[in-house]
C-alpha atoms as a PDB file:
ATOM      1  CA  UNK A   1     -16.904  -5.391  31.528  1.00  0.00           C
ATOM      2  CA  UNK A   2     -14.299  -7.543  33.262  1.00  0.00           C
ATOM      3  CA  UNK A   3     -12.351  -7.700  29.955  1.00  0.00           C
ATOM      4  CA  UNK A   4      -9.921  -4.879  29.287  1.00  0.00           C
ATOM      5  CA  UNK A   5     -10.866  -3.527  25.816  1.00  0.00           C
ATOM      6  CA  UNK A   6      -7.372  -2.092  25.286  1.00  0.00           C
ATOM      7  CA  UNK A   7      -5.504  -5.334  25.928  1.00  0.00           C
ATOM      8  CA  UNK A   8      -5.112  -6.268  22.268  1.00  0.00           C
ATOM      9  CA  UNK A   9      -3.778  -2.811  21.407  1.00  0.00           C
ATOM     10  CA  UNK A  10      -1.240  -2.441  24.189  1.00  0.00           C
ATOM     11  CA  UNK A  11       2.112  -3.813  22.966  1.00  0.00           C
ATOM     12  CA  UNK A  12       4.614  -1.012  23.607  1.00  0.00           C
ATOM     13  CA  UNK A  13       7.817  -3.037  23.214  1.00  0.00           C
ATOM     14  CA  UNK A  14       6.661  -4.807  20.045  1.00  0.00           C
ATOM     15  CA  UNK A  15       5.336  -1.607  18.480  1.00  0.00           C
ATOM     16  CA  UNK A  16       8.536   0.265  19.371  1.00  0.00           C
ATOM     17  CA  UNK A  17      10.592  -2.432  17.628  1.00  0.00           C
ATOM     18  CA  UNK A  18       8.521  -2.207  14.438  1.00  0.00           C
ATOM     19  CA  UNK A  19       8.474   1.590  14.356  1.00  0.00           C
ATOM     20  CA  UNK A  20      12.240   1.734  14.827  1.00  0.00           C
ATOM     21  CA  UNK A  21      12.631   0.301  11.321  1.00  0.00           C
ATOM     22  CA  UNK A  22      12.704   3.328   8.956  1.00  0.00           C
ATOM     23  CA  UNK A  23      11.933   1.291   5.819  1.00  0.00           C
ATOM     24  CA  UNK A  24       8.558   1.245   4.069  1.00  0.00           C
ATOM     25  CA  UNK A  25       7.116  -2.197   4.785  1.00  0.00           C
ATOM     26  CA  UNK A  26       4.037  -4.139   5.811  1.00  0.00           C
ATOM     27  CA  UNK A  27       3.377  -6.521   8.649  1.00  0.00           C
ATOM     28  CA  UNK A  28       1.328  -9.706   8.462  1.00  0.00           C
ATOM     29  CA  UNK A  29      -0.981 -10.429  11.387  1.00  0.00           C
ATOM     30  CA  UNK A  30      -3.314 -12.865   9.672  1.00  0.00           C
ATOM     31  CA  UNK A  31      -1.918 -15.622  11.860  1.00  0.00           C
ATOM     32  CA  UNK A  32      -4.806 -16.394  14.226  1.00  0.00           C
ATOM     33  CA  UNK A  33      -3.703 -13.956  16.941  1.00  0.00           C
ATOM     34  CA  UNK A  34      -6.893 -11.870  17.283  1.00  0.00           C
ATOM     35  CA  UNK A  35      -7.039 -12.707  20.988  1.00  0.00           C
ATOM     36  CA  UNK A  36      -3.570 -11.175  21.463  1.00  0.00           C
ATOM     37  CA  UNK A  37      -3.319  -8.516  18.760  1.00  0.00           C
ATOM     38  CA  UNK A  38      -6.405  -6.541  17.765  1.00  0.00           C
ATOM     39  CA  UNK A  39      -6.961  -6.512  13.973  1.00  0.00           C
ATOM     40  CA  UNK A  40      -7.079  -2.690  14.044  1.00  0.00           C
ATOM     41  CA  UNK A  41      -3.954  -2.289  16.177  1.00  0.00           C
ATOM     42  CA  UNK A  42      -1.729  -1.542  13.164  1.00  0.00           C
ATOM     43  CA  UNK A  43      -3.873   1.421  12.138  1.00  0.00           C
ATOM     44  CA  UNK A  44      -3.797   2.792  15.688  1.00  0.00           C
ATOM     45  CA  UNK A  45       0.003   2.616  15.821  1.00  0.00           C
ATOM     46  CA  UNK A  46       0.657   3.938  12.314  1.00  0.00           C
ATOM     47  CA  UNK A  47       1.802   0.583  10.923  1.00  0.00           C
ATOM     48  CA  UNK A  48       0.770  -0.942   7.601  1.00  0.00           C
ATOM     49  CA  UNK A  49      -0.826  -4.371   7.846  1.00  0.00           C
ATOM     50  CA  UNK A  50      -1.080  -6.468   4.696  1.00  0.00           C
ATOM     51  CA  UNK A  51      -4.668  -7.255   5.673  1.00  0.00           C
ATOM     52  CA  UNK A  52      -5.672  -3.659   6.396  1.00  0.00           C
ATOM     53  CA  UNK A  53      -8.176  -3.148   9.197  1.00  0.00           C
ATOM     54  CA  UNK A  54     -11.184  -5.146  10.351  1.00  0.00           C
ATOM     55  CA  UNK A  55     -13.557  -4.183   7.558  1.00  0.00           C
ATOM     56  CA  UNK A  56     -16.267  -6.272   5.869  1.00  0.00           C
ATOM     57  CA  UNK A  57     -15.716  -4.343   2.606  1.00  0.00           C
ATOM     58  CA  UNK A  58     -12.819  -6.318   1.140  1.00  0.00           C
ATOM     59  CA  UNK A  59     -11.600  -5.586  -2.400  1.00  0.00           C
ATOM     60  CA  UNK A  60     -12.154  -8.651  -4.568  1.00  0.00           C
ATOM     61  CA  UNK A  61      -8.847  -8.336  -6.429  1.00  0.00           C
ATOM     62  CA  UNK A  62      -6.838  -8.040  -3.214  1.00  0.00           C
ATOM     63  CA  UNK A  63      -8.555 -11.036  -1.664  1.00  0.00           C
ATOM     64  CA  UNK A  64      -7.936 -13.039  -4.857  1.00  0.00           C
ATOM     65  CA  UNK A  65      -4.269 -11.991  -4.903  1.00  0.00           C
ATOM     66  CA  UNK A  66      -3.834 -13.075  -1.285  1.00  0.00           C
ATOM     67  CA  UNK A  67      -5.414 -16.460  -1.958  1.00  0.00           C
ATOM     68  CA  UNK A  68      -3.266 -16.916  -5.073  1.00  0.00           C
ATOM     69  CA  UNK A  69       0.001 -16.611  -3.165  1.00  0.00           C
ATOM     70  CA  UNK A  70      -0.266 -20.228  -2.045  1.00  0.00           C
ATOM     71  CA  UNK A  71       1.216 -19.440   1.357  1.00  0.00           C
ATOM     72  CA  UNK A  72       4.061 -17.563   2.980  1.00  0.00           C
ATOM     73  CA  UNK A  73       6.665 -19.800   1.381  1.00  0.00           C
ATOM     74  CA  UNK A  74       5.870 -18.488  -2.122  1.00  0.00           C
ATOM     75  CA  UNK A  75       7.570 -15.802  -4.212  1.00  0.00           C
ATOM     76  CA  UNK A  76       4.212 -14.152  -4.849  1.00  0.00           C
ATOM     77  CA  UNK A  77       3.751 -13.610  -1.112  1.00  0.00           C
ATOM     78  CA  UNK A  78       7.069 -11.726  -1.057  1.00  0.00           C
ATOM     79  CA  UNK A  79       5.637  -9.222  -3.563  1.00  0.00           C
ATOM     80  CA  UNK A  80       3.258  -7.993  -0.855  1.00  0.00           C
ATOM     81  CA  UNK A  81       6.127  -6.132   0.866  1.00  0.00           C
ATOM     82  CA  UNK A  82       5.643  -8.111   4.096  1.00  0.00           C
ATOM     83  CA  UNK A  83       8.847  -7.701   6.072  1.00  0.00           C
ATOM     84  CA  UNK A  84       7.568  -8.875   9.460  1.00  0.00           C
ATOM     85  CA  UNK A  85       5.107 -11.576  10.492  1.00  0.00           C
ATOM     86  CA  UNK A  86       3.531 -11.512  13.954  1.00  0.00           C
ATOM     87  CA  UNK A  87       2.756 -14.927  15.386  1.00  0.00           C
ATOM     88  CA  UNK A  88       1.947 -16.649  18.639  1.00  0.00           C
ATOM     89  CA  UNK A  89       5.031 -18.078  20.349  1.00  0.00           C
ATOM     90  CA  UNK A  90       5.825 -21.488  18.925  1.00  0.00           C
ATOM     91  CA  UNK A  91       3.988 -21.008  15.613  1.00  0.00           C
ATOM     92  CA  UNK A  92       5.885 -22.716  12.769  1.00  0.00           C
ATOM     93  CA  UNK A  93       6.833 -20.704   9.675  1.00  0.00           C
ATOM     94  CA  UNK A  94       8.504 -21.853   6.427  1.00  0.00           C
ATOM     95  CA  UNK A  95      12.070 -22.793   7.266  1.00  0.00           C
ATOM     96  CA  UNK A  96      15.013 -20.928   5.776  1.00  0.00           C
ATOM     97  CA  UNK A  97      12.904 -17.888   4.961  1.00  0.00           C
ATOM     98  CA  UNK A  98      11.884 -16.384   8.305  1.00  0.00           C
ATOM     99  CA  UNK A  99      14.124 -15.539  11.238  1.00  0.00           C
ATOM    100  CA  UNK A 100      13.190 -14.462  14.747  1.00  0.00           C
ATOM    101  CA  UNK A 101      13.539 -10.682  14.897  1.00  0.00           C
ATOM    102  CA  UNK A 102      11.914  -9.844  18.237  1.00  0.00           C
ATOM    103  CA  UNK A 103      10.509 -11.969  21.056  1.00  0.00           C
ATOM    104  CA  UNK A 104       7.904  -9.773  22.737  1.00  0.00           C
ATOM    105  CA  UNK A 105       7.383  -9.865  26.522  1.00  0.00           C
ATOM    106  CA  UNK A 106       3.949 -11.433  26.034  1.00  0.00           C
ATOM    107  CA  UNK A 107       3.001 -14.462  23.914  1.00  0.00           C
ATOM    108  CA  UNK A 108       3.818 -12.814  20.586  1.00  0.00           C
ATOM    109  CA  UNK A 109       6.933 -13.029  18.442  1.00  0.00           C
ATOM    110  CA  UNK A 110       8.031 -11.088  15.354  1.00  0.00           C
ATOM    111  CA  UNK A 111       9.721 -12.908  12.476  1.00  0.00           C
ATOM    112  CA  UNK A 112      11.570 -11.203   9.628  1.00  0.00           C
ATOM    113  CA  UNK A 113      10.913 -12.284   6.042  1.00  0.00           C
ATOM    114  CA  UNK A 114      14.372 -12.581   4.498  1.00  0.00           C
ATOM    115  CA  UNK A 115      12.983 -12.583   0.938  1.00  0.00           C
ATOM    116  CA  UNK A 116      10.517  -9.690   1.078  1.00  0.00           C
ATOM    117  CA  UNK A 117      10.454  -7.322  -1.880  1.00  0.00           C
ATOM    118  CA  UNK A 118      10.469  -3.523  -1.488  1.00  0.00           C
ATOM    119  CA  UNK A 119       7.332  -1.452  -2.031  1.00  0.00           C
ATOM    120  CA  UNK A 120       8.379  -0.737  -5.629  1.00  0.00           C
ATOM    121  CA  UNK A 121      10.847  -2.367  -7.986  1.00  0.00           C
ATOM    122  CA  UNK A 122      11.878  -2.565 -11.640  1.00  0.00           C
ATOM    123  CA  UNK A 123      11.579  -5.734 -13.673  1.00  0.00           C
ATOM    124  CA  UNK A 124      11.593  -6.836 -17.293  1.00  0.00           C
ATOM    125  CA  UNK A 125       8.236  -6.259 -19.012  1.00  0.00           C
ATOM    126  CA  UNK A 126       6.081  -9.397 -19.092  1.00  0.00           C
ATOM    127  CA  UNK A 127       3.306 -10.432 -21.455  1.00  0.00           C
ATOM    128  CA  UNK A 128       1.721 -12.588 -18.744  1.00  0.00           C
ATOM    129  CA  UNK A 129       0.727 -10.062 -16.108  1.00  0.00           C
ATOM    130  CA  UNK A 130      -1.425 -12.629 -14.295  1.00  0.00           C
ATOM    131  CA  UNK A 131       1.596 -14.768 -13.441  1.00  0.00           C
ATOM    132  CA  UNK A 132       4.270 -12.142 -13.018  1.00  0.00           C
ATOM    133  CA  UNK A 133       7.439 -13.295 -11.248  1.00  0.00           C
ATOM    134  CA  UNK A 134      10.116 -10.661 -10.574  1.00  0.00           C
ATOM    135  CA  UNK A 135      13.832 -11.239 -10.919  1.00  0.00           C
ATOM    136  CA  UNK A 136      15.391 -11.791  -7.460  1.00  0.00           C
ATOM    137  CA  UNK A 137      18.050  -9.223  -8.432  1.00  0.00           C
ATOM    138  CA  UNK A 138      15.427  -6.622  -9.277  1.00  0.00           C
ATOM    139  CA  UNK A 139      16.547  -3.016  -9.607  1.00  0.00           C
ATOM    140  CA  UNK A 140      15.361  -0.786  -6.738  1.00  0.00           C
ATOM    141  CA  UNK A 141      13.085   2.221  -6.997  1.00  0.00           C
ATOM    142  CA  UNK A 142      13.419   5.306  -4.802  1.00  0.00           C
ATOM    143  CA  UNK A 143      10.160   6.571  -3.300  1.00  0.00           C
ATOM    144  CA  UNK A 144      10.392  10.335  -2.773  1.00  0.00           C
ATOM    145  CA  UNK A 145       6.837  10.844  -1.556  1.00  0.00           C
ATOM    146  CA  UNK A 146       4.352   8.320  -0.230  1.00  0.00           C
ATOM    147  CA  UNK A 147       0.759   9.098   0.685  1.00  0.00           C
ATOM    148  CA  UNK A 148      -2.655   7.468   0.673  1.00  0.00           C
ATOM    149  CA  UNK A 149      -3.729   9.364  -2.453  1.00  0.00           C
ATOM    150  CA  UNK A 150      -0.448  10.029  -4.243  1.00  0.00           C
ATOM    151  CA  UNK A 151       3.194   9.063  -4.526  1.00  0.00           C
ATOM    152  CA  UNK A 152       6.324  10.010  -6.462  1.00  0.00           C
ATOM    153  CA  UNK A 153       9.117   7.591  -7.413  1.00  0.00           C
ATOM    154  CA  UNK A 154      12.491   7.735  -9.133  1.00  0.00           C
ATOM    155  CA  UNK A 155      13.684   4.866 -11.318  1.00  0.00           C
ATOM    156  CA  UNK A 156      16.786   4.309 -13.422  1.00  0.00           C
ATOM    157  CA  UNK A 157      17.021   1.401 -15.831  1.00  0.00           C
ATOM    158  CA  UNK A 158      19.514   0.529 -18.568  1.00  0.00           C
ATOM    159  CA  UNK A 159      16.675  -0.882 -20.694  1.00  0.00           C
ATOM    160  CA  UNK A 160      12.897  -0.335 -20.921  1.00  0.00           C
ATOM    161  CA  UNK A 161      11.318  -1.920 -17.860  1.00  0.00           C
ATOM    162  CA  UNK A 162       8.153  -2.220 -15.830  1.00  0.00           C
ATOM    163  CA  UNK A 163       7.868  -0.465 -12.495  1.00  0.00           C
ATOM    164  CA  UNK A 164       5.789  -2.639 -10.185  1.00  0.00           C
ATOM    165  CA  UNK A 165       4.280  -1.057  -7.109  1.00  0.00           C
ATOM    166  CA  UNK A 166       3.138  -3.252  -4.240  1.00  0.00           C
ATOM    167  CA  UNK A 167      -0.069  -1.280  -3.822  1.00  0.00           C
ATOM    168  CA  UNK A 168      -3.671  -2.227  -4.553  1.00  0.00           C
ATOM    169  CA  UNK A 169      -4.783  -1.734  -8.154  1.00  0.00           C
ATOM    170  CA  UNK A 170      -8.048   0.195  -8.234  1.00  0.00           C
ATOM    171  CA  UNK A 171      -9.892   2.237 -10.888  1.00  0.00           C
ATOM    172  CA  UNK A 172      -9.193   5.943 -10.547  1.00  0.00           C
ATOM    173  CA  UNK A 173      -5.435   5.744 -10.068  1.00  0.00           C
ATOM    174  CA  UNK A 174      -3.579   7.732 -12.742  1.00  0.00           C
ATOM    175  CA  UNK A 175       0.122   7.799 -13.581  1.00  0.00           C
ATOM    176  CA  UNK A 176       2.627   9.991 -15.361  1.00  0.00           C
ATOM    177  CA  UNK A 177       6.139   9.023 -16.443  1.00  0.00           C
ATOM    178  CA  UNK A 178       8.411  12.030 -16.897  1.00  0.00           C
ATOM    179  CA  UNK A 179       5.315  14.214 -17.068  1.00  0.00           C
ATOM    180  CA  UNK A 180       3.552  12.149 -19.750  1.00  0.00           C
ATOM    181  CA  UNK A 181       0.359  10.204 -19.018  1.00  0.00           C
ATOM    182  CA  UNK A 182       0.962   6.455 -18.704  1.00  0.00           C
ATOM    183  CA  UNK A 183      -1.311   3.450 -18.332  1.00  0.00           C
ATOM    184  CA  UNK A 184      -1.430   1.615 -15.004  1.00  0.00           C
ATOM    185  CA  UNK A 185      -1.792  -2.125 -15.605  1.00  0.00           C
ATOM    186  CA  UNK A 186      -2.928  -4.773 -13.160  1.00  0.00           C
ATOM    187  CA  UNK A 187      -0.134  -7.147 -12.112  1.00  0.00           C
ATOM    188  CA  UNK A 188      -0.975 -10.569 -10.650  1.00  0.00           C
ATOM    189  CA  UNK A 189      -4.572  -9.481 -10.381  1.00  0.00           C
ATOM    190  CA  UNK A 190      -4.055  -6.926  -7.629  1.00  0.00           C
ATOM    191  CA  UNK A 191      -0.858  -4.837  -7.888  1.00  0.00           C
ATOM    192  CA  UNK A 192      -0.030  -1.801 -10.029  1.00  0.00           C
ATOM    193  CA  UNK A 193       2.461  -1.699 -12.863  1.00  0.00           C
ATOM    194  CA  UNK A 194       3.585   0.972 -15.319  1.00  0.00           C
ATOM    195  CA  UNK A 195       6.103   0.826 -18.174  1.00  0.00           C
ATOM    196  CA  UNK A 196       9.135   3.101 -17.966  1.00  0.00           C
ATOM    197  CA  UNK A 197      11.740   3.859 -20.674  1.00  0.00           C
ATOM    198  CA  UNK A 198      15.464   3.295 -20.457  1.00  0.00           C
ATOM    199  CA  UNK A 199      17.281   5.876 -18.390  1.00  0.00           C
ATOM    200  CA  UNK A 200      16.144   7.945 -15.451  1.00  0.00           C
ATOM    201  CA  UNK A 201      12.396   8.319 -14.919  1.00  0.00           C
ATOM    202  CA  UNK A 202      10.153  10.186 -12.522  1.00  0.00           C
ATOM    203  CA  UNK A 203       6.913   8.296 -11.946  1.00  0.00           C
ATOM    204  CA  UNK A 204       3.947   9.905 -10.239  1.00  0.00           C
ATOM    205  CA  UNK A 205       0.706   8.206  -9.251  1.00  0.00           C
ATOM    206  CA  UNK A 206      -2.355   9.926  -7.838  1.00  0.00           C
ATOM    207  CA  UNK A 207      -5.880   8.911  -7.039  1.00  0.00           C
ATOM    208  CA  UNK A 208      -8.260  11.003  -9.155  1.00  0.00           C
ATOM    209  CA  UNK A 209     -11.358   8.994 -10.129  1.00  0.00           C
ATOM    210  CA  UNK A 210     -13.643  10.481 -12.776  1.00  0.00           C
ATOM    211  CA  UNK A 211     -16.661  11.015 -10.437  1.00  0.00           C
ATOM    212  CA  UNK A 212     -14.403  12.916  -8.045  1.00  0.00           C
ATOM    213  CA  UNK A 213     -13.130  15.138 -10.879  1.00  0.00           C
ATOM    214  CA  UNK A 214     -16.678  15.908 -12.010  1.00  0.00           C
ATOM    215  CA  UNK A 215     -17.569  16.600  -8.402  1.00  0.00           C
ATOM    216  CA  UNK A 216     -14.827  19.236  -8.231  1.00  0.00           C
ATOM    217  CA  UNK A 217     -16.083  20.808 -11.465  1.00  0.00           C
ATOM    218  CA  UNK A 218     -19.661  20.967 -10.195  1.00  0.00           C
ATOM    219  CA  UNK A 219     -18.468  22.315  -6.855  1.00  0.00           C
ATOM    220  CA  UNK A 220     -16.543  25.053  -8.674  1.00  0.00           C
ATOM    221  CA  UNK A 221     -19.564  25.957 -10.798  1.00  0.00           C
ATOM    222  CA  UNK A 222     -21.766  26.075  -7.715  1.00  0.00           C
ATOM    223  CA  UNK A 223     -19.259  28.250  -5.869  1.00  0.00           C
ATOM    224  CA  UNK A 224     -19.060  30.714  -8.770  1.00  0.00           C
ATOM    225  CA  UNK A 225     -22.867  30.809  -8.949  1.00  0.00           C
ATOM    226  CA  UNK A 226     -23.092  31.516  -5.232  1.00  0.00           C
ATOM    227  CA  UNK A 227     -20.609  34.409  -5.524  1.00  0.00           C
ATOM    228  CA  UNK A 228     -22.602  35.861  -8.453  1.00  0.00           C
ATOM    229  CA  UNK A 229     -25.850  35.698  -6.451  1.00  0.00           C
ATOM    230  CA  UNK A 230     -24.215  37.354  -3.450  1.00  0.00           C
ATOM    231  CA  UNK A 231     -22.778  40.150  -5.609  1.00  0.00           C
ATOM    232  CA  UNK A 232     -26.133  40.733  -7.322  1.00  0.00           C
ATOM    233  CA  UNK A 233     -27.893  40.829  -3.976  1.00  0.00           C
ATOM    234  CA  UNK A 234     -25.350  43.274  -2.580  1.00  0.00           C
ATOM    235  CA  UNK A 235     -25.754  45.593  -5.581  1.00  0.00           C
ATOM    236  CA  UNK A 236     -29.530  45.620  -5.194  1.00  0.00           C
ATOM    237  CA  UNK A 237     -29.225  46.656  -1.564  1.00  0.00           C
ATOM    238  CA  UNK A 238     -26.647  49.355  -2.245  1.00  0.00           C
ATOM    239  CA  UNK A 239     -28.220  52.845  -2.649  1.00  0.00           C
ATOM    240  CA  UNK A 240     -27.780  54.092  -6.197  1.00  0.00           C
END
């Protein structure tokens, strides 16, 4: 093919700039730049894109949450932990909210979202979890461990609060607060939230869906059965 298949992945200066930021954040590349930046480039470079990878299997609640933001100028968009937006040179963004952070050697530019929220924060509990708006002076949460199937966070609040995690709500996620099981609620249709008491709290979340747990049980039973059969077979072959 006369077209270089790696062209949309090869952005060393831009990628180096993004990876130099030690914070936990997402980038937003849903800006009509597929001809310059491959949709799967973030996954290749170890970056987290708010839109994931090019995959036809899109979670309904995440798609609905994205559509409900109303655009990059909204407070709800800031809850998605998008710190940087990648755009084609000259693309307009909401004024007063985005600043040029890096002008790449090619036709791409990186803008910093000045109002982005961290991956997790504390806020006052809300009865209306479908229209949840955090306080701009929200208390921070320390993330000790972050992984695709589990994470551990430390929070400290003077009053009972809700810890909101800018991660996709999905059945099978389980939480504990100071070692006690806690309910994970759906915030704004697509994020995770869990109530924490006043004072210091350790919050753990892990992905352990019921079918997976039963699968482990059945695997264990099958493994024990296999060992029993092997032992019985060995005894039969051993001269008495």
